[in-house]
Amino acid sequence: MSALSHTKSYYAASANDTRIRPALESEVQADVCIVGAGYTGLSTALHLSEQGFKVVVLEANRIGFGASGRNGGQIVHSYSRDIDFIERHYGQATGKAMGAMAFEGGKIIRRLVRDYDIQCDLKDGGIFAACNNKQFAELKGKKALWEANGHRELELLSAEETRGYIGTSRYTGALLDKSGGHFHPLNLVLGEARAVESLGGVIYEGSGAVKIEEGSQVRVHTQKGCVTASFVVVAGNAYLGDLVPKLQSKAMPCGTQVVTTEPLSEALQQELLPHGQCVEDCNYLLDYFRLSGDGRLIYGGGVTYGAREPDKIESLIVPKMLKTFPQMKNVKVDFAWTGNFLLTLMRLPQFGRVGAHSNIYYAQGYSGHGVTCSHLAGKVLSDAIQGQAERYDVMASLPQYPFVGGRMMRVPYTALGAFYYTLRDRLGI
């Protein structure tokens, strides 16, 4: 794999735009410099560009190289910890404010796809599938919670009704979210990049930030260039490295694995997912799957802690796929890959400012809910830079705890916790 190359995924093989943008090799000026060309960075860049800001985006590898170009491609609302958890731990006012934002990310995605004619196979409908009665009872609670926060496009499905949506007897029931959906994630982020460029923004690939020099005008250095800007947004997430050391102890990169089959017959597609929704189950270490625009099954799941590469992705995921769909036994897998997301101790996103001048912003740690939350983050960051920081300050008020034992012990402690929750899933308790 060359220095500038996407992972060998189905998404990369079917990308709409394969151009490589040039690297930064000079000193340039901008109103805002954004580090990272994933969903967070490009949502921020696009919202700012729409308001006339001069934006420069620095990407160490390719646009969408990280989680934004590798994920399951599902619109899943709220946060990794839901609104009731936030209210219970951080107060009614914070819970209400977070609840008011919980369903905005999906609307932002749809607005950008519509306004900029982004071709990313967007399809409506998502399903949360319960593997046992306890999980189905929790889905009833989720429905009531989300409806209390204004989200009403929901329908509970019995076990029999669920089998009409998912061709398996594995689930005891489900929650259909008609405003959920799925899409080609790399083509979405590439479309957002083109939209930024159409508004005058500039994106440099192969231009990783190596140093941020604080000041009233911040200087962001790459290997061969420098951007001077009034504001900086750090949006590297699991691929940030040690650019901002303060952020490292607060979150941990984790890997998830995905496989994509060969194109399926129309009959088999109808047998698996006759109405075309995407699905995720309710386990702690969940499975998720959907059909691609060209009729392949995309199936993901599992977590590796510390962002290590598993030896054989297919051996981890194919047994999960066959447990759900035994009828896939003789279907060939064409692609298998892994990608990292950023996990926080409380599984809530982390927003904040660094530097004496408070003009360096960051947003990270969506803990598996990055598709919608990152797009929301871009809007919230954009508003804050324009002086409307109320929603940003709510996000930034959530506590940010380091992992117990620091960087050395965060992987074993988190893996032990995951084992505990996996055992609970299996026992249905």
Protein backbone atom coordinates (compact mmCIF):
# COMPACT_ATOMS: atom_id res chain seq x y z
CA MET A 1 0.00 0.00 0.00
CA SER A 2 1.49 3.33 -1.05
CA ALA A 3 1.94 6.27 1.31
CA LEU A 4 -1.22 7.86 -0.07
CA SER A 5 -3.74 5.07 -0.36
CA HIS A 6 -7.07 4.01 1.07
CA THR A 7 -7.36 0.66 2.77
CA LYS A 8 -8.39 -2.09 0.34
CA SER A 9 -12.11 -1.87 1.02
CA TYR A 10 -15.24 -2.22 -1.08
CA TYR A 11 -15.74 1.51 -0.59
CA ALA A 12 -12.34 2.40 -2.04
CA ALA A 13 -12.92 0.05 -4.97
CA SER A 14 -16.24 1.76 -5.77
CA ALA A 15 -15.28 5.38 -4.99
CA ASN A 16 -16.71 8.09 -7.25
CA ASP A 17 -13.62 10.30 -7.02
CA THR A 18 -10.11 8.87 -7.16
CA ARG A 19 -8.22 12.15 -7.61
CA ILE A 20 -5.34 12.83 -5.23
CA ARG A 21 -5.19 16.43 -4.07
CA PRO A 22 -1.72 18.01 -3.91
CA ALA A 23 0.27 18.32 -0.71
CA LEU A 24 0.86 21.67 1.00
CA GLU A 25 4.35 22.88 0.07
CA SER A 26 4.14 26.59 0.92
CA GLU A 27 2.86 29.03 3.54
CA VAL A 28 -0.82 29.93 3.21
CA GLN A 29 -3.35 32.04 5.09
CA ALA A 30 -6.90 31.06 6.09
CA ASP A 31 -9.64 32.11 8.44
CA VAL A 32 -9.86 28.54 9.73
CA CYS A 33 -7.44 25.62 9.42
CA ILE A 34 -8.95 22.17 9.93
CA VAL A 35 -6.79 19.14 10.74
CA GLY A 36 -8.41 16.02 9.31
CA ALA A 37 -10.54 15.47 6.20
CA GLY A 38 -13.13 13.12 7.68
CA TYR A 39 -16.74 13.81 8.56
CA THR A 40 -15.96 16.12 11.49
CA GLY A 41 -13.45 18.18 9.54
CA LEU A 42 -15.43 18.40 6.32
CA SER A 43 -18.78 19.05 7.99
CA THR A 44 -17.09 21.94 9.82
CA ALA A 45 -15.39 23.14 6.65
CA LEU A 46 -18.61 22.99 4.65
CA HIS A 47 -20.72 24.82 7.23
CA LEU A 48 -18.06 27.54 7.53
CA SER A 49 -17.55 27.83 3.78
CA GLU A 50 -21.29 28.33 3.35
CA GLN A 51 -20.92 31.39 5.59
CA GLY A 52 -18.05 32.82 3.55
CA PHE A 53 -15.08 31.73 5.66
CA LYS A 54 -11.78 30.94 3.95
CA VAL A 55 -11.04 27.36 5.00
CA VAL A 56 -7.96 25.16 4.54
CA VAL A 57 -8.14 21.45 5.39
CA LEU A 58 -5.01 19.38 6.07
CA GLU A 59 -5.24 15.62 5.61
CA ALA A 60 -2.31 13.34 6.45
CA ASN A 61 -3.35 10.68 3.95
CA ARG A 62 -6.45 10.65 1.70
CA ILE A 63 -9.85 12.29 2.18
CA GLY A 64 -11.90 9.87 4.29
CA PHE A 65 -8.86 7.67 4.99
CA GLY A 66 -9.99 6.88 8.55
CA ALA A 67 -13.34 5.89 10.00
CA SER A 68 -15.28 8.25 7.72
CA GLY A 69 -14.35 6.16 4.69
CA ARG A 70 -14.48 2.71 6.30
CA ASN A 71 -17.55 2.60 8.58
CA GLY A 72 -20.78 0.62 8.24
CA GLY A 73 -22.51 3.50 6.48
CA GLN A 74 -25.51 3.68 8.82
CA ILE A 75 -27.47 6.72 10.03
CA VAL A 76 -27.96 5.92 13.73
CA HIS A 77 -29.30 8.72 15.93
CA SER A 78 -28.35 9.94 19.41
CA TYR A 79 -25.04 9.12 21.12
CA SER A 80 -23.26 5.99 22.30
CA ARG A 81 -24.77 6.78 25.71
CA ASP A 82 -28.39 7.75 25.28
CA ILE A 83 -30.21 10.86 26.49
CA ASP A 84 -31.48 9.28 29.74
CA PHE A 85 -27.91 8.37 30.78
CA ILE A 86 -26.76 11.94 30.13
CA GLU A 87 -29.63 13.42 32.14
CA ARG A 88 -29.14 10.98 35.01
CA HIS A 89 -25.40 11.68 35.32
CA TYR A 90 -25.08 15.32 34.27
CA GLY A 91 -28.42 16.90 35.08
CA GLN A 92 -31.75 17.67 33.47
CA ALA A 93 -30.59 20.83 31.69
CA THR A 94 -27.66 19.07 30.01
CA GLY A 95 -29.84 16.08 29.11
CA LYS A 96 -32.48 18.33 27.56
CA ALA A 97 -29.89 20.28 25.56
CA MET A 98 -28.20 17.09 24.32
CA GLY A 99 -31.60 15.59 23.53
CA ALA A 100 -32.45 18.60 21.37
CA MET A 101 -29.35 17.86 19.25
CA ALA A 102 -29.59 14.06 19.22
CA PHE A 103 -31.44 13.72 15.91
CA GLU A 104 -29.86 16.57 13.97
CA GLY A 105 -26.87 14.74 12.50
CA GLY A 106 -28.99 12.61 10.17
CA LYS A 107 -30.87 15.70 8.96
CA ILE A 108 -27.55 17.42 8.22
CA ILE A 109 -26.39 14.42 6.14
CA ARG A 110 -29.60 14.44 4.12
CA ARG A 111 -29.42 18.21 3.61
CA LEU A 112 -25.84 18.02 2.31
CA VAL A 113 -26.65 15.09 0.01
CA ARG A 114 -29.62 17.02 -1.41
CA ASP A 115 -28.01 20.46 -1.69
CA TYR A 116 -24.76 19.25 -3.27
CA ASP A 117 -26.16 16.31 -5.27
CA ILE A 118 -23.87 13.82 -3.54
CA GLN A 119 -24.15 10.37 -5.14
CA CYS A 120 -23.74 7.97 -2.22
CA ASP A 121 -26.56 5.40 -2.55
CA LEU A 122 -28.54 7.00 0.31
CA LYS A 123 -31.51 4.84 1.33
CA ASP A 124 -34.01 5.40 4.16
CA GLY A 125 -34.73 3.10 7.09
CA GLY A 126 -32.81 1.52 9.95
CA ILE A 127 -33.57 -1.31 12.39
CA PHE A 128 -32.35 -2.03 15.93
CA ALA A 129 -32.68 -5.80 16.42
CA ALA A 130 -33.07 -7.42 19.85
CA CYS A 131 -31.29 -10.72 20.47
CA ASN A 132 -33.26 -11.49 23.66
CA ASN A 133 -36.28 -10.34 25.66
CA LYS A 134 -34.22 -8.03 27.86
CA GLN A 135 -32.96 -6.15 24.81
CA PHE A 136 -36.49 -5.93 23.39
CA ALA A 137 -37.70 -4.38 26.65
CA GLU A 138 -34.85 -1.86 26.35
CA LEU A 139 -35.99 -1.03 22.81
CA LYS A 140 -39.43 -0.21 24.18
CA GLY A 141 -37.71 2.19 26.57
CA LYS A 142 -35.65 3.70 23.73
CA LYS A 143 -38.82 4.33 21.73
CA ALA A 144 -40.46 6.13 24.67
CA LEU A 145 -37.29 8.13 25.38
CA TRP A 146 -36.80 9.25 21.79
CA GLU A 147 -40.47 10.13 21.38
CA ALA A 148 -40.28 12.25 24.54
CA ASN A 149 -37.43 14.13 22.84
CA GLY A 150 -39.45 14.78 19.69
CA HIS A 151 -38.44 11.83 17.51
CA ARG A 152 -41.57 9.97 16.43
CA GLU A 153 -40.70 8.02 13.25
CA LEU A 154 -40.45 4.77 15.20
CA GLU A 155 -42.28 1.44 15.16
CA LEU A 156 -41.85 -1.60 17.41
CA LEU A 157 -41.78 -4.93 15.59
CA SER A 158 -42.66 -8.31 17.10
CA ALA A 159 -40.45 -11.32 16.43
CA GLU A 160 -42.74 -12.38 13.59
CA GLU A 161 -42.85 -8.86 12.13
CA THR A 162 -39.06 -8.64 12.40
CA ARG A 163 -38.70 -11.75 10.25
CA GLY A 164 -40.61 -9.86 7.57
CA TYR A 165 -37.79 -7.29 7.52
CA ILE A 166 -34.75 -9.50 8.24
CA GLY A 167 -34.46 -13.02 6.82
CA THR A 168 -33.43 -14.72 10.05
CA SER A 169 -35.03 -16.22 13.15
CA ARG A 170 -32.29 -14.83 15.38
CA TYR A 171 -34.17 -11.81 16.78
CA THR A 172 -36.93 -11.57 19.39
CA GLY A 173 -38.15 -8.20 18.12
CA ALA A 174 -36.90 -4.90 16.76
CA LEU A 175 -37.35 -1.14 16.58
CA LEU A 176 -37.80 0.30 13.10
CA ASP A 177 -36.51 3.88 12.76
CA LYS A 178 -37.95 5.24 9.54
CA SER A 179 -35.62 8.25 9.69
CA GLY A 180 -32.54 6.04 9.94
CA GLY A 181 -30.81 5.00 6.76
CA HIS A 182 -27.63 3.95 5.07
CA PHE A 183 -25.23 5.07 2.34
CA HIS A 184 -21.77 4.63 0.81
CA PRO A 185 -19.62 6.36 3.46
CA LEU A 186 -16.55 7.11 1.36
CA ASN A 187 -18.62 8.58 -1.46
CA LEU A 188 -20.41 10.77 1.09
CA VAL A 189 -17.17 12.21 2.46
CA LEU A 190 -15.74 12.64 -1.06
CA GLY A 191 -18.92 14.47 -2.06
CA GLU A 192 -18.59 16.73 0.95
CA ALA A 193 -14.99 17.46 -0.05
CA ARG A 194 -16.09 18.49 -3.53
CA ALA A 195 -18.76 20.71 -1.98
CA VAL A 196 -16.14 22.45 0.18
CA GLU A 197 -13.97 23.02 -2.88
CA SER A 198 -16.92 24.37 -4.87
CA LEU A 199 -17.28 27.09 -2.21
CA GLY A 200 -13.60 28.07 -2.33
CA GLY A 201 -12.19 25.82 0.38
CA VAL A 202 -8.84 24.11 -0.21
CA ILE A 203 -7.98 20.55 0.83
CA TYR A 204 -4.40 19.28 0.93
CA GLU A 205 -3.78 15.53 1.03
CA GLY A 206 -0.52 13.95 2.16
CA SER A 207 -0.17 16.93 4.49
CA GLY A 208 -0.23 15.73 8.07
CA ALA A 209 0.06 18.40 10.74
CA VAL A 210 3.27 17.94 12.72
CA LYS A 211 3.13 20.97 15.02
CA ILE A 212 0.57 23.54 16.17
CA GLU A 213 2.11 26.85 17.20
CA GLU A 214 -0.29 28.72 19.49
CA GLY A 215 -1.01 32.43 19.27
CA SER A 216 -3.69 34.93 18.36
CA GLN A 217 -2.91 33.67 14.87
CA VAL A 218 -2.26 29.94 15.02
CA ARG A 219 0.41 28.37 12.81
CA VAL A 220 -0.13 24.75 11.79
CA HIS A 221 3.01 23.19 10.36
CA THR A 222 3.24 20.25 7.97
CA GLN A 223 6.44 18.62 6.71
CA LYS A 224 6.72 21.08 3.81
CA GLY A 225 4.30 23.92 4.54
CA CYS A 226 2.42 26.00 7.07
CA VAL A 227 -1.09 27.40 7.49
CA THR A 228 -1.66 30.58 9.50
CA ALA A 229 -5.25 30.97 10.69
CA SER A 230 -7.39 32.75 13.26
CA PHE A 231 -8.94 29.43 14.33
CA VAL A 232 -7.91 25.79 14.19
CA VAL A 233 -10.18 22.73 14.44
CA VAL A 234 -8.48 19.48 15.41
CA ALA A 235 -10.54 16.67 13.87
CA GLY A 236 -8.18 13.70 13.60
CA ASN A 237 -10.07 11.42 15.98
CA ALA A 238 -8.57 7.90 16.09
CA TYR A 239 -5.89 8.92 13.56
CA LEU A 240 -4.70 12.07 15.34
CA GLY A 241 -1.55 10.52 16.82
CA ASP A 242 0.37 12.67 19.31
CA LEU A 243 -0.23 16.05 17.65
CA VAL A 244 -2.10 17.25 20.78
CA PRO A 245 -0.64 15.12 23.62
CA LYS A 246 -3.28 16.32 26.08
CA LEU A 247 -5.97 14.49 24.12
CA GLN A 248 -4.23 11.09 24.00
CA SER A 249 -4.98 9.92 27.53
CA LYS A 250 -8.67 10.83 27.20
CA ALA A 251 -9.56 8.33 24.47
CA MET A 252 -8.46 5.05 22.91
CA PRO A 253 -8.47 3.99 19.25
CA CYS A 254 -10.43 0.78 18.70
CA GLY A 255 -10.84 -1.27 15.55
CA THR A 256 -13.96 -2.72 13.98
CA GLN A 257 -13.99 -5.23 11.13
CA VAL A 258 -16.13 -5.33 8.00
CA VAL A 259 -16.58 -7.79 5.14
CA THR A 260 -18.41 -7.35 1.85
CA THR A 261 -19.68 -10.24 -0.23
CA GLU A 262 -19.86 -10.69 -3.95
CA PRO A 263 -23.02 -9.24 -5.56
CA LEU A 264 -26.06 -11.28 -4.54
CA SER A 265 -28.93 -12.45 -6.70
CA GLU A 266 -32.14 -10.43 -6.50
CA ALA A 267 -33.82 -13.42 -4.87
CA LEU A 268 -31.19 -13.66 -2.12
CA GLN A 269 -31.29 -9.90 -1.48
CA GLN A 270 -35.07 -10.17 -1.05
CA GLU A 271 -34.62 -13.10 1.31
CA LEU A 272 -32.10 -11.27 3.53
CA LEU A 273 -33.46 -7.70 3.66
CA PRO A 274 -36.64 -7.46 1.59
CA HIS A 275 -37.36 -3.82 2.47
CA GLY A 276 -33.75 -2.65 2.24
CA GLN A 277 -33.18 -1.22 5.73
CA CYS A 278 -29.84 -1.36 7.50
CA VAL A 279 -29.65 -3.31 10.78
CA GLU A 280 -27.64 -3.25 13.97
CA ASP A 281 -28.24 -5.57 16.91
CA CYS A 282 -28.40 -4.51 20.56
CA ASN A 283 -25.36 -6.35 21.91
CA TYR A 284 -22.56 -4.44 23.61
CA LEU A 285 -20.17 -5.65 20.88
CA LEU A 286 -22.77 -5.35 18.18
CA ASP A 287 -23.14 -6.70 14.65
CA TYR A 288 -24.33 -4.40 11.86
CA PHE A 289 -25.23 -5.11 8.25
CA ARG A 290 -26.96 -3.82 5.14
CA LEU A 291 -27.09 -4.21 1.37
CA SER A 292 -24.88 -2.03 -0.81
CA GLY A 293 -26.13 -0.09 -3.80
CA ASP A 294 -24.99 -2.90 -6.10
CA GLY A 295 -26.55 -5.70 -4.05
CA ARG A 296 -23.72 -6.95 -1.84
CA LEU A 297 -24.10 -7.77 1.85
CA ILE A 298 -21.90 -5.53 4.00
CA TYR A 299 -21.48 -7.11 7.45
CA GLY A 300 -19.42 -5.74 10.33
CA GLY A 301 -18.86 -6.24 14.02
CA GLY A 302 -16.43 -6.94 16.80
CA VAL A 303 -13.89 -4.66 18.42
CA THR A 304 -10.12 -4.84 18.77
CA TYR A 305 -8.76 -2.55 21.49
CA GLY A 306 -5.75 -0.37 20.94
CA ALA A 307 -6.22 -0.20 17.15
CA ARG A 308 -4.23 -3.36 16.42
CA GLU A 309 -4.89 -5.12 13.14
CA PRO A 310 -6.56 -8.54 13.58
CA ASP A 311 -4.80 -11.37 11.78
CA LYS A 312 -7.73 -12.65 9.75
CA ILE A 313 -10.74 -10.39 9.46
CA GLU A 314 -12.87 -12.98 7.66
CA SER A 315 -12.37 -15.52 10.45
CA LEU A 316 -13.74 -12.97 12.92
CA ILE A 317 -16.74 -11.72 10.93
CA VAL A 318 -17.91 -14.53 8.65
CA PRO A 319 -19.01 -16.75 11.59
CA LYS A 320 -21.11 -13.83 12.86
CA MET A 321 -22.63 -13.37 9.42
CA LEU A 322 -23.45 -17.07 9.13
CA LYS A 323 -25.03 -17.11 12.60
CA THR A 324 -27.43 -14.44 11.36
CA PHE A 325 -27.79 -15.71 7.79
CA PRO A 326 -26.93 -19.43 7.45
CA GLN A 327 -28.12 -19.21 3.84
CA MET A 328 -24.92 -17.23 3.05
CA LYS A 329 -22.70 -20.30 3.55
CA ASN A 330 -21.60 -20.60 -0.08
CA VAL A 331 -21.38 -16.88 -0.86
CA LYS A 332 -17.92 -15.49 -1.60
CA VAL A 333 -16.43 -12.59 0.37
CA ASP A 334 -14.81 -10.06 -1.99
CA PHE A 335 -13.50 -7.50 0.53
CA ALA A 336 -12.45 -7.47 4.19
CA TRP A 337 -10.98 -4.54 6.11
CA THR A 338 -10.70 -2.89 9.51
CA GLY A 339 -10.93 0.71 10.62
CA ASN A 340 -10.48 2.59 13.87
CA PHE A 341 -12.95 4.63 15.88
CA LEU A 342 -12.15 6.55 19.06
CA LEU A 343 -13.59 5.29 22.35
CA THR A 344 -13.91 7.48 25.46
CA LEU A 345 -14.24 6.24 29.02
CA MET A 346 -17.83 7.51 29.36
CA ARG A 347 -18.62 6.70 25.69
CA LEU A 348 -19.63 10.32 25.13
CA PRO A 349 -18.07 12.74 22.62
CA GLN A 350 -15.35 15.11 23.75
CA PHE A 351 -15.43 18.78 22.72
CA GLY A 352 -13.16 21.52 23.98
CA ARG A 353 -10.60 24.24 23.36
CA VAL A 354 -6.85 24.18 23.94
CA GLY A 355 -4.28 26.95 24.08
CA ALA A 356 -4.07 30.24 25.95
CA HIS A 357 -6.05 32.05 23.26
CA SER A 358 -8.92 29.50 23.19
CA ASN A 359 -8.88 29.53 19.40
CA ILE A 360 -7.91 25.87 18.92
CA TYR A 361 -11.02 23.68 19.00
CA TYR A 362 -11.34 19.92 19.04
CA ALA A 363 -14.12 17.35 18.71
CA GLN A 364 -13.47 13.63 19.04
CA GLY A 365 -14.42 10.34 20.66
CA TYR A 366 -17.85 9.50 19.25
CA SER A 367 -17.41 5.93 20.54
CA GLY A 368 -19.09 4.17 17.64
CA HIS A 369 -21.76 6.81 16.87
CA GLY A 370 -19.54 8.96 14.69
CA VAL A 371 -21.54 9.07 11.45
CA THR A 372 -24.30 11.35 12.73
CA CYS A 373 -22.51 12.93 15.69
CA SER A 374 -19.55 14.06 13.57
CA HIS A 375 -21.88 15.88 11.17
CA LEU A 376 -23.60 17.53 14.12
CA ALA A 377 -20.16 18.44 15.47
CA GLY A 378 -19.34 20.28 12.25
CA LYS A 379 -22.42 22.47 12.60
CA VAL A 380 -21.81 23.08 16.31
CA LEU A 381 -18.13 23.92 15.72
CA SER A 382 -19.03 26.26 12.88
CA ASP A 383 -21.55 28.08 15.05
CA ALA A 384 -19.03 28.41 17.90
CA ILE A 385 -16.38 29.91 15.63
CA GLN A 386 -19.00 32.43 14.50
CA GLY A 387 -19.65 33.39 18.13
CA GLN A 388 -22.73 31.23 18.79
CA ALA A 389 -21.16 28.85 21.29
CA GLU A 390 -24.13 27.82 23.46
CA ARG A 391 -24.46 24.32 21.99
CA TYR A 392 -20.71 23.84 21.78
CA ASP A 393 -20.39 24.75 25.45
CA VAL A 394 -22.98 22.11 26.36
CA MET A 395 -20.90 19.50 24.56
CA ALA A 396 -17.71 20.81 26.14
CA SER A 397 -19.27 20.64 29.62
CA LEU A 398 -19.42 16.83 29.55
CA PRO A 399 -16.62 15.48 31.79
CA GLN A 400 -13.58 14.03 30.04
CA TYR A 401 -11.91 11.37 32.15
CA PRO A 402 -8.63 9.63 31.36
CA PHE A 403 -8.61 5.84 31.20
CA VAL A 404 -7.68 4.13 34.46
CA GLY A 405 -3.99 3.27 34.50
CA GLY A 406 -3.13 5.69 31.71
CA ARG A 407 -2.12 4.74 28.19
CA MET A 408 -0.41 1.48 29.23
CA MET A 409 -3.42 -0.03 31.02
CA ARG A 410 -6.35 1.33 29.01
CA VAL A 411 -6.38 -1.61 26.57
CA PRO A 412 -6.45 -4.50 29.10
CA TYR A 413 -8.93 -2.74 31.40
CA THR A 414 -11.28 -1.94 28.51
CA ALA A 415 -10.99 -5.45 27.07
CA LEU A 416 -11.88 -6.87 30.50
CA GLY A 417 -14.95 -4.63 30.62
CA ALA A 418 -15.94 -5.71 27.12
CA PHE A 419 -15.67 -9.37 28.16
CA TYR A 420 -18.04 -8.68 31.05
CA TYR A 421 -20.65 -7.01 28.84
CA THR A 422 -20.31 -9.71 26.17
CA LEU A 423 -21.02 -12.34 28.83
CA ARG A 424 -24.11 -10.36 29.87
CA ASP A 425 -25.27 -10.26 26.24
CA ARG A 426 -24.90 -14.04 25.94
CA LEU A 427 -26.75 -14.70 29.17
CA GLY A 428 -29.47 -12.18 28.37
CA ILE A 429 -29.06 -10.35 31.70
